[in-house]
C-alpha atoms as a PDB file:
ATOM      1  CA  UNK A   1      37.339 -60.150  77.299  1.00  0.00           C
ATOM      2  CA  UNK A   2      34.392 -62.025  76.645  1.00  0.00           C
ATOM      3  CA  UNK A   3      30.920 -61.422  74.262  1.00  0.00           C
ATOM      4  CA  UNK A   4      27.523 -62.790  74.666  1.00  0.00           C
ATOM      5  CA  UNK A   5      24.378 -61.867  74.100  1.00  0.00           C
ATOM      6  CA  UNK A   6      22.467 -59.204  75.507  1.00  0.00           C
ATOM      7  CA  UNK A   7      19.744 -60.207  78.282  1.00  0.00           C
ATOM      8  CA  UNK A   8      17.330 -57.256  79.888  1.00  0.00           C
ATOM      9  CA  UNK A   9      19.099 -57.831  83.144  1.00  0.00           C
ATOM     10  CA  UNK A  10      22.202 -56.152  81.455  1.00  0.00           C
ATOM     11  CA  UNK A  11      19.878 -52.889  80.748  1.00  0.00           C
ATOM     12  CA  UNK A  12      21.089 -51.126  83.554  1.00  0.00           C
ATOM     13  CA  UNK A  13      24.601 -50.880  83.216  1.00  0.00           C
ATOM     14  CA  UNK A  14      23.796 -50.569  79.660  1.00  0.00           C
ATOM     15  CA  UNK A  15      22.575 -47.718  80.264  1.00  0.00           C
ATOM     16  CA  UNK A  16      24.902 -45.964  82.188  1.00  0.00           C
ATOM     17  CA  UNK A  17      27.908 -46.943  80.068  1.00  0.00           C
ATOM     18  CA  UNK A  18      25.426 -44.866  76.838  1.00  0.00           C
ATOM     19  CA  UNK A  19      24.667 -42.309  78.978  1.00  0.00           C
ATOM     20  CA  UNK A  20      28.445 -41.772  79.685  1.00  0.00           C
ATOM     21  CA  UNK A  21      29.448 -41.990  75.828  1.00  0.00           C
ATOM     22  CA  UNK A  22      26.706 -39.988  74.672  1.00  0.00           C
ATOM     23  CA  UNK A  23      26.719 -37.678  76.598  1.00  0.00           C
ATOM     24  CA  UNK A  24      30.258 -36.908  76.369  1.00  0.00           C
ATOM     25  CA  UNK A  25      32.683 -36.080  73.278  1.00  0.00           C
ATOM     26  CA  UNK A  26      32.007 -36.517  70.636  1.00  0.00           C
ATOM     27  CA  UNK A  27      28.587 -36.535  70.308  1.00  0.00           C
ATOM     28  CA  UNK A  28      27.328 -34.571  72.793  1.00  0.00           C
ATOM     29  CA  UNK A  29      23.322 -35.552  73.806  1.00  0.00           C
ATOM     30  CA  UNK A  30      21.822 -34.146  76.138  1.00  0.00           C
ATOM     31  CA  UNK A  31      20.313 -37.415  77.352  1.00  0.00           C
ATOM     32  CA  UNK A  32      19.092 -35.958  80.555  1.00  0.00           C
ATOM     33  CA  UNK A  33      18.964 -39.045  83.386  1.00  0.00           C
ATOM     34  CA  UNK A  34      19.308 -42.721  83.371  1.00  0.00           C
ATOM     35  CA  UNK A  35      15.353 -43.197  83.343  1.00  0.00           C
ATOM     36  CA  UNK A  36      15.309 -41.705  79.881  1.00  0.00           C
ATOM     37  CA  UNK A  37      18.366 -43.602  78.523  1.00  0.00           C
ATOM     38  CA  UNK A  38      16.692 -46.788  79.597  1.00  0.00           C
ATOM     39  CA  UNK A  39      13.254 -46.474  77.748  1.00  0.00           C
ATOM     40  CA  UNK A  40      14.981 -45.621  75.021  1.00  0.00           C
ATOM     41  CA  UNK A  41      17.029 -48.368  75.385  1.00  0.00           C
ATOM     42  CA  UNK A  42      14.386 -50.863  76.363  1.00  0.00           C
ATOM     43  CA  UNK A  43      12.109 -50.111  73.597  1.00  0.00           C
ATOM     44  CA  UNK A  44      15.041 -51.705  70.957  1.00  0.00           C
ATOM     45  CA  UNK A  45      14.629 -54.852  73.478  1.00  0.00           C
ATOM     46  CA  UNK A  46      11.312 -55.399  73.510  1.00  0.00           C
ATOM     47  CA  UNK A  47      11.402 -55.501  69.621  1.00  0.00           C
ATOM     48  CA  UNK A  48      10.260 -59.249  69.155  1.00  0.00           C
ATOM     49  CA  UNK A  49      12.776 -59.081  66.174  1.00  0.00           C
ATOM     50  CA  UNK A  50      15.845 -57.619  68.122  1.00  0.00           C
ATOM     51  CA  UNK A  51      19.170 -58.612  68.548  1.00  0.00           C
ATOM     52  CA  UNK A  52      22.029 -57.352  71.400  1.00  0.00           C
ATOM     53  CA  UNK A  53      25.253 -57.970  72.411  1.00  0.00           C
ATOM     54  CA  UNK A  54      27.440 -57.267  74.891  1.00  0.00           C
ATOM     55  CA  UNK A  55      31.311 -57.368  75.344  1.00  0.00           C
ATOM     56  CA  UNK A  56      32.215 -57.939  79.187  1.00  0.00           C
ATOM     57  CA  UNK A  57      36.236 -57.921  80.519  1.00  0.00           C
ATOM     58  CA  UNK A  58      35.791 -59.145  84.809  1.00  0.00           C
ATOM     59  CA  UNK A  59      32.275 -59.568  84.791  1.00  0.00           C
ATOM     60  CA  UNK A  60      31.834 -55.551  83.145  1.00  0.00           C
ATOM     61  CA  UNK A  61      29.793 -54.276  80.252  1.00  0.00           C
ATOM     62  CA  UNK A  62      32.328 -52.318  78.464  1.00  0.00           C
ATOM     63  CA  UNK A  63      30.560 -52.021  75.316  1.00  0.00           C
ATOM     64  CA  UNK A  64      27.121 -52.912  73.534  1.00  0.00           C
ATOM     65  CA  UNK A  65      25.152 -53.629  70.185  1.00  0.00           C
ATOM     66  CA  UNK A  66      21.184 -52.771  70.223  1.00  0.00           C
ATOM     67  CA  UNK A  67      19.760 -53.758  67.222  1.00  0.00           C
ATOM     68  CA  UNK A  68      17.354 -56.004  65.384  1.00  0.00           C
ATOM     69  CA  UNK A  69      16.693 -57.706  62.017  1.00  0.00           C
ATOM     70  CA  UNK A  70      14.772 -56.772  59.456  1.00  0.00           C
ATOM     71  CA  UNK A  71      13.368 -59.616  56.337  1.00  0.00           C
ATOM     72  CA  UNK A  72      14.169 -58.458  52.758  1.00  0.00           C
ATOM     73  CA  UNK A  73      14.550 -59.253  49.562  1.00  0.00           C
ATOM     74  CA  UNK A  74      18.224 -59.889  49.502  1.00  0.00           C
ATOM     75  CA  UNK A  75      18.039 -61.990  52.889  1.00  0.00           C
ATOM     76  CA  UNK A  76      17.625 -61.227  56.162  1.00  0.00           C
ATOM     77  CA  UNK A  77      19.767 -57.942  57.171  1.00  0.00           C
ATOM     78  CA  UNK A  78      20.780 -56.880  61.140  1.00  0.00           C
ATOM     79  CA  UNK A  79      19.965 -53.510  61.741  1.00  0.00           C
ATOM     80  CA  UNK A  80      21.972 -51.566  64.499  1.00  0.00           C
ATOM     81  CA  UNK A  81      20.125 -48.828  66.862  1.00  0.00           C
ATOM     82  CA  UNK A  82      23.366 -48.381  69.192  1.00  0.00           C
ATOM     83  CA  UNK A  83      26.953 -49.310  68.950  1.00  0.00           C
ATOM     84  CA  UNK A  84      29.081 -48.184  71.783  1.00  0.00           C
ATOM     85  CA  UNK A  85      32.366 -48.836  73.757  1.00  0.00           C
ATOM     86  CA  UNK A  86      33.599 -47.511  76.941  1.00  0.00           C
ATOM     87  CA  UNK A  87      35.345 -44.512  75.991  1.00  0.00           C
ATOM     88  CA  UNK A  88      38.481 -45.347  77.970  1.00  0.00           C
ATOM     89  CA  UNK A  89      38.822 -48.849  76.187  1.00  0.00           C
ATOM     90  CA  UNK A  90      38.347 -46.814  72.978  1.00  0.00           C
ATOM     91  CA  UNK A  91      41.256 -47.500  69.929  1.00  0.00           C
ATOM     92  CA  UNK A  92      41.865 -50.374  71.613  1.00  0.00           C
ATOM     93  CA  UNK A  93      40.731 -53.060  70.158  1.00  0.00           C
ATOM     94  CA  UNK A  94      37.260 -53.923  72.213  1.00  0.00           C
ATOM     95  CA  UNK A  95      34.876 -51.659  68.922  1.00  0.00           C
ATOM     96  CA  UNK A  96      36.186 -54.614  66.942  1.00  0.00           C
ATOM     97  CA  UNK A  97      36.349 -57.764  68.585  1.00  0.00           C
ATOM     98  CA  UNK A  98      32.477 -57.186  69.713  1.00  0.00           C
ATOM     99  CA  UNK A  99      31.864 -56.123  65.963  1.00  0.00           C
ATOM    100  CA  UNK A 100      33.694 -59.358  64.614  1.00  0.00           C
ATOM    101  CA  UNK A 101      31.559 -61.627  67.322  1.00  0.00           C
ATOM    102  CA  UNK A 102      28.546 -60.617  66.300  1.00  0.00           C
ATOM    103  CA  UNK A 103      29.194 -61.184  62.604  1.00  0.00           C
ATOM    104  CA  UNK A 104      30.148 -64.407  63.118  1.00  0.00           C
ATOM    105  CA  UNK A 105      26.991 -65.150  65.724  1.00  0.00           C
ATOM    106  CA  UNK A 106      24.554 -63.592  62.687  1.00  0.00           C
ATOM    107  CA  UNK A 107      26.557 -65.320  60.182  1.00  0.00           C
ATOM    108  CA  UNK A 108      25.848 -68.245  61.873  1.00  0.00           C
ATOM    109  CA  UNK A 109      22.164 -67.395  62.147  1.00  0.00           C
ATOM    110  CA  UNK A 110      22.090 -67.266  57.752  1.00  0.00           C
ATOM    111  CA  UNK A 111      22.683 -62.936  58.385  1.00  0.00           C
ATOM    112  CA  UNK A 112      24.940 -61.878  55.924  1.00  0.00           C
ATOM    113  CA  UNK A 113      24.447 -58.413  55.877  1.00  0.00           C
ATOM    114  CA  UNK A 114      24.427 -55.098  59.045  1.00  0.00           C
ATOM    115  CA  UNK A 115      22.953 -51.826  58.340  1.00  0.00           C
ATOM    116  CA  UNK A 116      23.969 -48.241  60.456  1.00  0.00           C
ATOM    117  CA  UNK A 117      23.552 -45.237  60.093  1.00  0.00           C
ATOM    118  CA  UNK A 118      26.107 -42.951  62.593  1.00  0.00           C
ATOM    119  CA  UNK A 119      27.472 -39.569  61.669  1.00  0.00           C
ATOM    120  CA  UNK A 120      29.594 -38.076  59.042  1.00  0.00           C
ATOM    121  CA  UNK A 121      33.242 -37.042  60.009  1.00  0.00           C
ATOM    122  CA  UNK A 122      33.014 -38.683  63.602  1.00  0.00           C
ATOM    123  CA  UNK A 123      35.410 -41.479  64.681  1.00  0.00           C
ATOM    124  CA  UNK A 124      32.404 -44.098  64.697  1.00  0.00           C
ATOM    125  CA  UNK A 125      32.532 -43.803  60.234  1.00  0.00           C
ATOM    126  CA  UNK A 126      36.420 -44.385  60.181  1.00  0.00           C
ATOM    127  CA  UNK A 127      35.390 -47.224  62.463  1.00  0.00           C
ATOM    128  CA  UNK A 128      32.613 -48.445  60.453  1.00  0.00           C
ATOM    129  CA  UNK A 129      34.873 -48.366  57.033  1.00  0.00           C
ATOM    130  CA  UNK A 130      37.964 -50.249  58.724  1.00  0.00           C
ATOM    131  CA  UNK A 131      35.393 -52.770  59.141  1.00  0.00           C
ATOM    132  CA  UNK A 132      33.798 -52.956  55.324  1.00  0.00           C
ATOM    133  CA  UNK A 133      30.845 -50.800  56.065  1.00  0.00           C
ATOM    134  CA  UNK A 134      29.765 -48.440  52.539  1.00  0.00           C
ATOM    135  CA  UNK A 135      28.494 -45.071  52.684  1.00  0.00           C
ATOM    136  CA  UNK A 136      25.344 -46.201  50.096  1.00  0.00           C
ATOM    137  CA  UNK A 137      25.491 -43.073  47.662  1.00  0.00           C
ATOM    138  CA  UNK A 138      22.218 -43.018  46.700  1.00  0.00           C
ATOM    139  CA  UNK A 139      20.506 -43.688  49.647  1.00  0.00           C
ATOM    140  CA  UNK A 140      19.697 -39.463  52.020  1.00  0.00           C
ATOM    141  CA  UNK A 141      18.630 -39.481  55.261  1.00  0.00           C
ATOM    142  CA  UNK A 142      15.816 -37.358  55.470  1.00  0.00           C
ATOM    143  CA  UNK A 143      13.839 -36.023  58.774  1.00  0.00           C
ATOM    144  CA  UNK A 144      11.176 -32.849  60.142  1.00  0.00           C
ATOM    145  CA  UNK A 145      10.538 -30.995  63.038  1.00  0.00           C
ATOM    146  CA  UNK A 146       7.350 -30.064  63.568  1.00  0.00           C
END
């Protein structure tokens, strides 16, 4: 397996993988089409401070991270917006290798903090806890549908 920085030409493979993962259990999203997913992911790629990573096996993308850097008073942070591993390879160490490779690359850029959101009580929460992520008790997530 090999982790590398994402390039725009990875969008198609990442979109198909994203649709497979997030329209299935346990997420059960309702993405309508590959085009809809591509539009969504391209919004991250087009961000001037975007950093994306893919992990490949036999030249096939099996996982990815879509994020961006953010300047903060304590230093640069990497905000992960989407992080996913092929359903068939979850719990096999692929996600851990990708996360460790991301941390290595970020450290080489003097970025030492990763921020993300995930749903409570799903397997992703345990994965992130295993990798040293902590819940920020004084932060609440708010939204307004109107």
